[in-house]
All heavy atoms as atom14 arrays in JSON, in Angstrom:
{
  "sequence": "LLAALGRNTSPSAKDIKKILDSVGIEADDDRLNKVISEKNGKN",
  "atom14_mask": [
    [1, 1, 1, 1, 1, 1, 1, 1, 0, 0, 0, 0, 0, 0],
    [1, 1, 1, 1, 1, 1, 1, 1, 0, 0, 0, 0, 0, 0],
    [1, 1, 1, 1, 1, 0, 0, 0, 0, 0, 0, 0, 0, 0],
    [1, 1, 1, 1, 1, 0, 0, 0, 0, 0, 0, 0, 0, 0],
    [1, 1, 1, 1, 1, 1, 1, 1, 0, 0, 0, 0, 0, 0],
    [1, 1, 1, 1, 0, 0, 0, 0, 0, 0, 0, 0, 0, 0],
    [1, 1, 1, 1, 1, 1, 1, 1, 1, 1, 1, 0, 0, 0],
    [1, 1, 1, 1, 1, 1, 1, 1, 0, 0, 0, 0, 0, 0],
    [1, 1, 1, 1, 1, 1, 1, 0, 0, 0, 0, 0, 0, 0],
    [1, 1, 1, 1, 1, 1, 0, 0, 0, 0, 0, 0, 0, 0],
    [1, 1, 1, 1, 1, 1, 1, 0, 0, 0, 0, 0, 0, 0],
    [1, 1, 1, 1, 1, 1, 0, 0, 0, 0, 0, 0, 0, 0],
    [1, 1, 1, 1, 1, 0, 0, 0, 0, 0, 0, 0, 0, 0],
    [1, 1, 1, 1, 1, 1, 1, 1, 1, 0, 0, 0, 0, 0],
    [1, 1, 1, 1, 1, 1, 1, 1, 0, 0, 0, 0, 0, 0],
    [1, 1, 1, 1, 1, 1, 1, 1, 0, 0, 0, 0, 0, 0],
    [1, 1, 1, 1, 1, 1, 1, 1, 1, 0, 0, 0, 0, 0],
    [1, 1, 1, 1, 1, 1, 1, 1, 1, 0, 0, 0, 0, 0],
    [1, 1, 1, 1, 1, 1, 1, 1, 0, 0, 0, 0, 0, 0],
    [1, 1, 1, 1, 1, 1, 1, 1, 0, 0, 0, 0, 0, 0],
    [1, 1, 1, 1, 1, 1, 1, 1, 0, 0, 0, 0, 0, 0],
    [1, 1, 1, 1, 1, 1, 0, 0, 0, 0, 0, 0, 0, 0],
    [1, 1, 1, 1, 1, 1, 1, 0, 0, 0, 0, 0, 0, 0],
    [1, 1, 1, 1, 0, 0, 0, 0, 0, 0, 0, 0, 0, 0],
    [1, 1, 1, 1, 1, 1, 1, 1, 0, 0, 0, 0, 0, 0],
    [1, 1, 1, 1, 1, 1, 1, 1, 1, 0, 0, 0, 0, 0],
    [1, 1, 1, 1, 1, 0, 0, 0, 0, 0, 0, 0, 0, 0],
    [1, 1, 1, 1, 1, 1, 1, 1, 0, 0, 0, 0, 0, 0],
    [1, 1, 1, 1, 1, 1, 1, 1, 0, 0, 0, 0, 0, 0],
    [1, 1, 1, 1, 1, 1, 1, 1, 0, 0, 0, 0, 0, 0],
    [1, 1, 1, 1, 1, 1, 1, 1, 1, 1, 1, 0, 0, 0],
    [1, 1, 1, 1, 1, 1, 1, 1, 0, 0, 0, 0, 0, 0],
    [1, 1, 1, 1, 1, 1, 1, 1, 0, 0, 0, 0, 0, 0],
    [1, 1, 1, 1, 1, 1, 1, 1, 1, 0, 0, 0, 0, 0],
    [1, 1, 1, 1, 1, 1, 1, 0, 0, 0, 0, 0, 0, 0],
    [1, 1, 1, 1, 1, 1, 1, 1, 0, 0, 0, 0, 0, 0],
    [1, 1, 1, 1, 1, 1, 0, 0, 0, 0, 0, 0, 0, 0],
    [1, 1, 1, 1, 1, 1, 1, 1, 1, 0, 0, 0, 0, 0],
    [1, 1, 1, 1, 1, 1, 1, 1, 1, 0, 0, 0, 0, 0],
    [1, 1, 1, 1, 1, 1, 1, 1, 0, 0, 0, 0, 0, 0],
    [1, 1, 1, 1, 0, 0, 0, 0, 0, 0, 0, 0, 0, 0],
    [1, 1, 1, 1, 1, 1, 1, 1, 1, 0, 0, 0, 0, 0],
    [1, 1, 1, 1, 1, 1, 1, 1, 0, 0, 0, 0, 0, 0]
  ],
  "atom14_positions": [
    [[3.98, -4.24, -0.96], [3.06, -3.89, 0.1], [3.57, -2.9, 1.05], [2.84, -1.96, 1.45], [2.58, -5.16, 0.86], [1.78, -6.19, 0.11], [1.55, -7.42, 0.91], [0.43, -5.56, -0.33], [0.0, 0.0, 0.0], [0.0, 0.0, 0.0], [0.0, 0.0, 0.0], [0.0, 0.0, 0.0], [0.0, 0.0, 0.0], [0.0, 0.0, 0.0]],
    [[4.84, -3.01, 1.36], [5.41, -1.84, 2.31], [5.36, -0.53, 1.64], [4.99, 0.51, 2.27], [6.89, -2.28, 2.52], [7.11, -3.21, 3.64], [8.62, -3.62, 3.78], [6.69, -2.7, 4.94], [0.0, 0.0, 0.0], [0.0, 0.0, 0.0], [0.0, 0.0, 0.0], [0.0, 0.0, 0.0], [0.0, 0.0, 0.0], [0.0, 0.0, 0.0]],
    [[5.75, -0.44, 0.33], [5.57, 0.78, -0.45], [4.15, 1.33, -0.48], [3.85, 2.49, -0.23], [6.25, 0.62, -1.79], [0.0, 0.0, 0.0], [0.0, 0.0, 0.0], [0.0, 0.0, 0.0], [0.0, 0.0, 0.0], [0.0, 0.0, 0.0], [0.0, 0.0, 0.0], [0.0, 0.0, 0.0], [0.0, 0.0, 0.0], [0.0, 0.0, 0.0]],
    [[3.3, 0.38, -0.73], [1.87, 0.84, -0.89], [1.3, 1.2, 0.45], [0.51, 2.23, 0.58], [0.99, -0.39, -1.4], [0.0, 0.0, 0.0], [0.0, 0.0, 0.0], [0.0, 0.0, 0.0], [0.0, 0.0, 0.0], [0.0, 0.0, 0.0], [0.0, 0.0, 0.0], [0.0, 0.0, 0.0], [0.0, 0.0, 0.0], [0.0, 0.0, 0.0]],
    [[1.71, 0.49, 1.56], [1.19, 0.93, 2.84], [1.77, 2.3, 3.27], [1.21, 2.98, 4.2], [1.46, -0.19, 3.81], [0.58, -1.5, 3.64], [1.11, -2.59, 4.62], [-0.91, -1.17, 3.86], [0.0, 0.0, 0.0], [0.0, 0.0, 0.0], [0.0, 0.0, 0.0], [0.0, 0.0, 0.0], [0.0, 0.0, 0.0], [0.0, 0.0, 0.0]],
    [[2.88, 2.68, 2.7], [3.54, 3.93, 3.07], [2.9, 5.05, 2.15], [3.59, 6.05, 1.9], [0.0, 0.0, 0.0], [0.0, 0.0, 0.0], [0.0, 0.0, 0.0], [0.0, 0.0, 0.0], [0.0, 0.0, 0.0], [0.0, 0.0, 0.0], [0.0, 0.0, 0.0], [0.0, 0.0, 0.0], [0.0, 0.0, 0.0], [0.0, 0.0, 0.0]],
    [[1.69, 4.85, 1.66], [0.92, 5.85, 0.95], [1.4, 6.04, -0.5], [1.01, 6.96, -1.23], [0.87, 7.28, 1.62], [0.39, 7.14, 3.14], [-1.08, 6.88, 3.14], [-1.42, 6.96, 4.5], [-2.37, 6.12, 4.96], [-2.96, 5.2, 4.24], [-2.72, 6.22, 6.3], [0.0, 0.0, 0.0], [0.0, 0.0, 0.0], [0.0, 0.0, 0.0]],
    [[2.17, 5.08, -1.02], [2.61, 5.07, -2.37], [1.49, 4.2, -3.18], [1.78, 2.94, -3.13], [4.07, 4.61, -2.62], [4.52, 4.73, -4.13], [3.62, 4.95, -4.91], [5.74, 4.6, -4.23], [0.0, 0.0, 0.0], [0.0, 0.0, 0.0], [0.0, 0.0, 0.0], [0.0, 0.0, 0.0], [0.0, 0.0, 0.0], [0.0, 0.0, 0.0]],
    [[0.56, 4.74, -3.74], [-0.48, 3.96, -4.39], [-0.09, 3.09, -5.49], [-0.72, 2.13, -5.92], [-1.76, 4.82, -4.76], [-1.34, 5.81, -5.58], [-2.3, 5.41, -3.49], [0.0, 0.0, 0.0], [0.0, 0.0, 0.0], [0.0, 0.0, 0.0], [0.0, 0.0, 0.0], [0.0, 0.0, 0.0], [0.0, 0.0, 0.0], [0.0, 0.0, 0.0]],
    [[1.01, 3.47, -6.22], [1.47, 2.68, -7.38], [3.04, 2.73, -7.32], [3.67, 3.44, -8.05], [1.02, 3.51, -8.64], [1.37, 2.73, -9.78], [0.0, 0.0, 0.0], [0.0, 0.0, 0.0], [0.0, 0.0, 0.0], [0.0, 0.0, 0.0], [0.0, 0.0, 0.0], [0.0, 0.0, 0.0], [0.0, 0.0, 0.0], [0.0, 0.0, 0.0]],
    [[3.5, 1.83, -6.51], [4.96, 1.72, -6.43], [5.61, 1.28, -7.74], [5.15, 0.53, -8.45], [5.2, 0.6, -5.34], [3.88, 0.45, -4.66], [2.83, 0.9, -5.6], [0.0, 0.0, 0.0], [0.0, 0.0, 0.0], [0.0, 0.0, 0.0], [0.0, 0.0, 0.0], [0.0, 0.0, 0.0], [0.0, 0.0, 0.0], [0.0, 0.0, 0.0]],
    [[6.76, 1.97, -8.01], [7.45, 1.66, -9.21], [8.66, 0.69, -8.86], [8.91, 0.34, -7.74], [8.17, 2.97, -9.79], [9.13, 3.37, -8.85], [0.0, 0.0, 0.0], [0.0, 0.0, 0.0], [0.0, 0.0, 0.0], [0.0, 0.0, 0.0], [0.0, 0.0, 0.0], [0.0, 0.0, 0.0], [0.0, 0.0, 0.0], [0.0, 0.0, 0.0]],
    [[9.25, 0.13, -9.9], [10.42, -0.8, -9.73], [11.49, -0.17, -8.87], [12.15, -0.73, -8.06], [10.92, -1.15, -11.06], [0.0, 0.0, 0.0], [0.0, 0.0, 0.0], [0.0, 0.0, 0.0], [0.0, 0.0, 0.0], [0.0, 0.0, 0.0], [0.0, 0.0, 0.0], [0.0, 0.0, 0.0], [0.0, 0.0, 0.0], [0.0, 0.0, 0.0]],
    [[11.69, 1.19, -9.14], [12.74, 1.87, -8.4], [12.31, 2.03, -6.86], [13.29, 1.83, -6.0], [12.82, 3.37, -8.9], [13.88, 4.13, -8.32], [13.91, 5.59, -8.91], [14.89, 6.47, -8.08], [14.9, 7.82, -8.7], [0.0, 0.0, 0.0], [0.0, 0.0, 0.0], [0.0, 0.0, 0.0], [0.0, 0.0, 0.0], [0.0, 0.0, 0.0]],
    [[11.07, 2.16, -6.59], [10.66, 2.13, -5.23], [10.84, 0.84, -4.46], [11.47, 0.83, -3.36], [9.15, 2.54, -5.11], [8.81, 3.91, -5.61], [9.74, 4.78, -5.55], [7.74, 4.09, -6.19], [0.0, 0.0, 0.0], [0.0, 0.0, 0.0], [0.0, 0.0, 0.0], [0.0, 0.0, 0.0], [0.0, 0.0, 0.0], [0.0, 0.0, 0.0]],
    [[10.57, -0.23, -5.17], [10.81, -1.48, -4.64], [12.25, -1.91, -4.53], [12.66, -2.49, -3.56], [10.0, -2.59, -5.42], [8.46, -2.21, -5.32], [10.17, -3.97, -4.94], [7.57, -3.13, -6.29], [0.0, 0.0, 0.0], [0.0, 0.0, 0.0], [0.0, 0.0, 0.0], [0.0, 0.0, 0.0], [0.0, 0.0, 0.0], [0.0, 0.0, 0.0]],
    [[13.0, -1.54, -5.46], [14.51, -1.86, -5.42], [15.11, -1.12, -4.19], [15.98, -1.55, -3.53], [15.12, -1.39, -6.69], [14.94, -2.41, -7.83], [15.74, -1.99, -9.03], [15.51, -3.04, -10.23], [16.3, -2.65, -11.38], [0.0, 0.0, 0.0], [0.0, 0.0, 0.0], [0.0, 0.0, 0.0], [0.0, 0.0, 0.0], [0.0, 0.0, 0.0]],
    [[14.67, 0.04, -3.91], [15.2, 0.92, -2.79], [14.86, 0.24, -1.54], [15.83, 0.09, -0.66], [14.56, 2.32, -2.78], [15.14, 3.22, -1.82], [14.51, 4.63, -1.91], [15.07, 5.57, -0.79], [14.41, 6.85, -0.94], [0.0, 0.0, 0.0], [0.0, 0.0, 0.0], [0.0, 0.0, 0.0], [0.0, 0.0, 0.0], [0.0, 0.0, 0.0]],
    [[13.71, -0.38, -1.32], [13.35, -1.14, -0.21], [14.2, -2.29, -0.1], [14.76, -2.65, 0.98], [11.89, -1.47, -0.2], [11.0, -0.26, 0.05], [11.51, -2.4, 0.95], [9.52, -0.48, -0.17], [0.0, 0.0, 0.0], [0.0, 0.0, 0.0], [0.0, 0.0, 0.0], [0.0, 0.0, 0.0], [0.0, 0.0, 0.0], [0.0, 0.0, 0.0]],
    [[14.34, -3.07, -1.14], [15.14, -4.36, -1.21], [16.56, -4.08, -0.85], [17.27, -4.79, -0.12], [14.96, -5.06, -2.44], [13.63, -5.75, -2.7], [13.43, -6.32, -4.04], [13.27, -6.8, -1.71], [0.0, 0.0, 0.0], [0.0, 0.0, 0.0], [0.0, 0.0, 0.0], [0.0, 0.0, 0.0], [0.0, 0.0, 0.0], [0.0, 0.0, 0.0]],
    [[17.13, -3.05, -1.47], [18.55, -2.6, -1.27], [18.82, -2.21, 0.11], [19.92, -2.5, 0.63], [18.91, -1.4, -2.3], [19.1, -1.78, -3.69], [19.21, -3.02, -3.91], [19.02, -1.02, -4.51], [0.0, 0.0, 0.0], [0.0, 0.0, 0.0], [0.0, 0.0, 0.0], [0.0, 0.0, 0.0], [0.0, 0.0, 0.0], [0.0, 0.0, 0.0]],
    [[17.9, -1.61, 0.82], [18.09, -1.2, 2.19], [18.29, -2.36, 3.16], [18.77, -2.25, 4.23], [16.76, -0.58, 2.77], [15.66, -1.35, 2.93], [0.0, 0.0, 0.0], [0.0, 0.0, 0.0], [0.0, 0.0, 0.0], [0.0, 0.0, 0.0], [0.0, 0.0, 0.0], [0.0, 0.0, 0.0], [0.0, 0.0, 0.0], [0.0, 0.0, 0.0]],
    [[17.93, -3.66, 2.69], [18.12, -4.77, 3.53], [19.15, -5.75, 2.92], [19.28, -6.88, 3.18], [16.95, -5.53, 3.88], [16.12, -4.76, 4.76], [16.15, -5.96, 2.67], [0.0, 0.0, 0.0], [0.0, 0.0, 0.0], [0.0, 0.0, 0.0], [0.0, 0.0, 0.0], [0.0, 0.0, 0.0], [0.0, 0.0, 0.0], [0.0, 0.0, 0.0]],
    [[19.83, -5.22, 1.88], [20.91, -6.0, 1.19], [20.48, -7.12, 0.16], [21.23, -8.03, -0.03], [0.0, 0.0, 0.0], [0.0, 0.0, 0.0], [0.0, 0.0, 0.0], [0.0, 0.0, 0.0], [0.0, 0.0, 0.0], [0.0, 0.0, 0.0], [0.0, 0.0, 0.0], [0.0, 0.0, 0.0], [0.0, 0.0, 0.0], [0.0, 0.0, 0.0]],
    [[19.28, -6.91, -0.43], [18.74, -7.91, -1.3], [18.9, -7.33, -2.72], [18.35, -6.22, -3.06], [17.28, -8.3, -1.07], [17.27, -8.96, 0.25], [16.76, -9.15, -2.14], [15.88, -9.29, 0.8], [0.0, 0.0, 0.0], [0.0, 0.0, 0.0], [0.0, 0.0, 0.0], [0.0, 0.0, 0.0], [0.0, 0.0, 0.0], [0.0, 0.0, 0.0]],
    [[19.48, -8.01, -3.67], [19.57, -7.58, -5.1], [18.34, -8.05, -5.83], [17.91, -9.19, -5.77], [20.74, -8.18, -5.72], [20.99, -7.59, -7.1], [22.37, -8.11, -7.61], [23.27, -8.27, -6.88], [22.37, -8.34, -8.94], [0.0, 0.0, 0.0], [0.0, 0.0, 0.0], [0.0, 0.0, 0.0], [0.0, 0.0, 0.0], [0.0, 0.0, 0.0]],
    [[17.59, -7.17, -6.47], [16.29, -7.42, -7.07], [16.55, -8.01, -8.43], [17.39, -7.66, -9.17], [15.53, -6.13, -7.28], [0.0, 0.0, 0.0], [0.0, 0.0, 0.0], [0.0, 0.0, 0.0], [0.0, 0.0, 0.0], [0.0, 0.0, 0.0], [0.0, 0.0, 0.0], [0.0, 0.0, 0.0], [0.0, 0.0, 0.0], [0.0, 0.0, 0.0]],
    [[15.65, -9.07, -8.73], [15.62, -9.65, -10.05], [14.53, -8.95, -10.81], [13.38, -8.94, -10.51], [15.18, -11.15, -9.84], [15.1, -11.93, -11.23], [15.38, -11.37, -12.25], [14.44, -13.01, -11.22], [0.0, 0.0, 0.0], [0.0, 0.0, 0.0], [0.0, 0.0, 0.0], [0.0, 0.0, 0.0], [0.0, 0.0, 0.0], [0.0, 0.0, 0.0]],
    [[14.93, -8.28, -11.96], [14.07, -7.43, -12.68], [12.85, -8.2, -13.21], [11.68, -7.67, -13.22], [14.83, -6.76, -13.84], [15.81, -5.73, -13.35], [15.45, -5.09, -12.23], [16.76, -5.44, -14.06], [0.0, 0.0, 0.0], [0.0, 0.0, 0.0], [0.0, 0.0, 0.0], [0.0, 0.0, 0.0], [0.0, 0.0, 0.0], [0.0, 0.0, 0.0]],
    [[12.98, -9.49, -13.66], [11.82, -10.19, -14.23], [10.76, -10.34, -13.16], [9.52, -10.17, -13.32], [12.3, -11.59, -14.78], [13.12, -11.37, -15.99], [13.01, -10.36, -16.64], [13.91, -12.24, -16.24], [0.0, 0.0, 0.0], [0.0, 0.0, 0.0], [0.0, 0.0, 0.0], [0.0, 0.0, 0.0], [0.0, 0.0, 0.0], [0.0, 0.0, 0.0]],
    [[11.12, -10.93, -11.95], [10.21, -11.21, -10.79], [9.57, -9.81, -10.34], [8.39, -9.66, -10.12], [10.86, -11.82, -9.64], [11.24, -13.27, -10.05], [11.91, -13.91, -8.87], [12.22, -15.34, -9.15], [12.75, -16.14, -8.2], [13.0, -15.7, -7.05], [13.05, -17.38, -8.57], [0.0, 0.0, 0.0], [0.0, 0.0, 0.0], [0.0, 0.0, 0.0]],
    [[10.39, -8.76, -10.32], [9.93, -7.54, -9.94], [8.9, -6.91, -10.8], [7.82, -6.49, -10.37], [11.19, -6.53, -9.74], [10.91, -5.15, -9.3], [10.21, -5.15, -7.9], [12.24, -4.5, -9.26], [0.0, 0.0, 0.0], [0.0, 0.0, 0.0], [0.0, 0.0, 0.0], [0.0, 0.0, 0.0], [0.0, 0.0, 0.0], [0.0, 0.0, 0.0]],
    [[9.2, -6.98, -12.07], [8.19, -6.55, -13.0], [6.98, -7.42, -13.04], [5.81, -6.81, -13.37], [8.79, -6.54, -14.52], [9.86, -5.45, -14.57], [9.88, -4.43, -13.87], [10.93, -5.73, -15.3], [0.0, 0.0, 0.0], [0.0, 0.0, 0.0], [0.0, 0.0, 0.0], [0.0, 0.0, 0.0], [0.0, 0.0, 0.0], [0.0, 0.0, 0.0]],
    [[7.04, -8.55, -12.7], [5.76, -9.49, -12.7], [4.9, -9.0, -11.58], [3.72, -8.88, -11.82], [6.17, -10.95, -12.59], [4.96, -11.86, -12.6], [5.39, -13.29, -12.4], [4.15, -14.17, -12.44], [4.4, -15.53, -12.35], [0.0, 0.0, 0.0], [0.0, 0.0, 0.0], [0.0, 0.0, 0.0], [0.0, 0.0, 0.0], [0.0, 0.0, 0.0]],
    [[5.52, -8.72, -10.42], [4.78, -8.33, -9.3], [4.05, -6.99, -9.55], [2.82, -6.81, -9.28], [5.68, -8.28, -7.94], [4.89, -7.54, -6.88], [6.1, -9.69, -7.57], [0.0, 0.0, 0.0], [0.0, 0.0, 0.0], [0.0, 0.0, 0.0], [0.0, 0.0, 0.0], [0.0, 0.0, 0.0], [0.0, 0.0, 0.0], [0.0, 0.0, 0.0]],
    [[4.83, -6.09, -10.09], [4.32, -4.86, -10.4], [3.14, -4.81, -11.43], [2.13, -4.29, -11.19], [5.48, -3.79, -10.94], [6.39, -3.54, -9.77], [4.85, -2.57, -11.41], [7.66, -2.76, -10.24], [0.0, 0.0, 0.0], [0.0, 0.0, 0.0], [0.0, 0.0, 0.0], [0.0, 0.0, 0.0], [0.0, 0.0, 0.0], [0.0, 0.0, 0.0]],
    [[3.26, -5.74, -12.42], [2.24, -5.75, -13.51], [1.02, -6.39, -12.84], [-0.15, -6.04, -13.25], [2.74, -6.53, -14.64], [2.98, -7.91, -14.32], [0.0, 0.0, 0.0], [0.0, 0.0, 0.0], [0.0, 0.0, 0.0], [0.0, 0.0, 0.0], [0.0, 0.0, 0.0], [0.0, 0.0, 0.0], [0.0, 0.0, 0.0], [0.0, 0.0, 0.0]],
    [[1.15, -7.43, -11.96], [0.01, -8.05, -11.4], [-0.71, -7.14, -10.33], [-1.92, -7.3, -10.16], [0.35, -9.48, -10.73], [0.76, -10.49, -11.72], [1.14, -11.81, -11.17], [0.98, -11.9, -9.95], [1.58, -12.63, -11.9], [0.0, 0.0, 0.0], [0.0, 0.0, 0.0], [0.0, 0.0, 0.0], [0.0, 0.0, 0.0], [0.0, 0.0, 0.0]],
    [[0.0, -6.34, -9.56], [-0.53, -5.58, -8.46], [-0.9, -4.13, -8.88], [-1.73, -3.46, -8.2], [0.37, -5.51, -7.33], [0.8, -6.9, -6.83], [-0.4, -7.63, -6.27], [0.02, -8.98, -5.76], [-0.89, -10.03, -6.21], [0.0, 0.0, 0.0], [0.0, 0.0, 0.0], [0.0, 0.0, 0.0], [0.0, 0.0, 0.0], [0.0, 0.0, 0.0]],
    [[-0.33, -3.57, -10.0], [-0.58, -2.23, -10.32], [-1.91, -1.99, -10.61], [-2.65, -2.7, -11.4], [0.4, -1.95, -11.65], [0.5, -0.43, -11.7], [0.39, 0.32, -10.77], [1.14, -0.08, -12.89], [0.0, 0.0, 0.0], [0.0, 0.0, 0.0], [0.0, 0.0, 0.0], [0.0, 0.0, 0.0], [0.0, 0.0, 0.0], [0.0, 0.0, 0.0]],
    [[-2.47, -0.75, -9.98], [-3.82, -0.34, -10.24], [-4.77, -1.08, -9.36], [-5.92, -0.78, -9.44], [0.0, 0.0, 0.0], [0.0, 0.0, 0.0], [0.0, 0.0, 0.0], [0.0, 0.0, 0.0], [0.0, 0.0, 0.0], [0.0, 0.0, 0.0], [0.0, 0.0, 0.0], [0.0, 0.0, 0.0], [0.0, 0.0, 0.0], [0.0, 0.0, 0.0]],
    [[-4.47, -2.01, -8.54], [-5.35, -2.77, -7.66], [-5.34, -2.04, -6.29], [-4.28, -1.52, -5.8], [-5.04, -4.24, -7.47], [-5.17, -4.92, -8.78], [-4.76, -6.35, -8.54], [-5.1, -7.18, -9.94], [-4.77, -8.56, -9.78], [0.0, 0.0, 0.0], [0.0, 0.0, 0.0], [0.0, 0.0, 0.0], [0.0, 0.0, 0.0], [0.0, 0.0, 0.0]],
    [[-6.43, -2.08, -5.69], [-6.58, -1.55, -4.24], [-5.78, -2.6, -3.3], [-6.25, -3.75, -3.25], [-7.98, -1.35, -3.83], [-8.2, -0.8, -2.44], [-7.4, -0.97, -1.59], [-9.32, -0.1, -2.4], [0.0, 0.0, 0.0], [0.0, 0.0, 0.0], [0.0, 0.0, 0.0], [0.0, 0.0, 0.0], [0.0, 0.0, 0.0], [0.0, 0.0, 0.0]]
  ]
}
């Protein structure tokens, strides 16, 4: 949502990892891909 609200209409895994890394959180690829697949293309 942060990436999308920043005018990125289709955030990628790389975009989300960059946000998570900025606060010291290591991303789990399975969960990350699930969120992207469920939200991708939706307003």
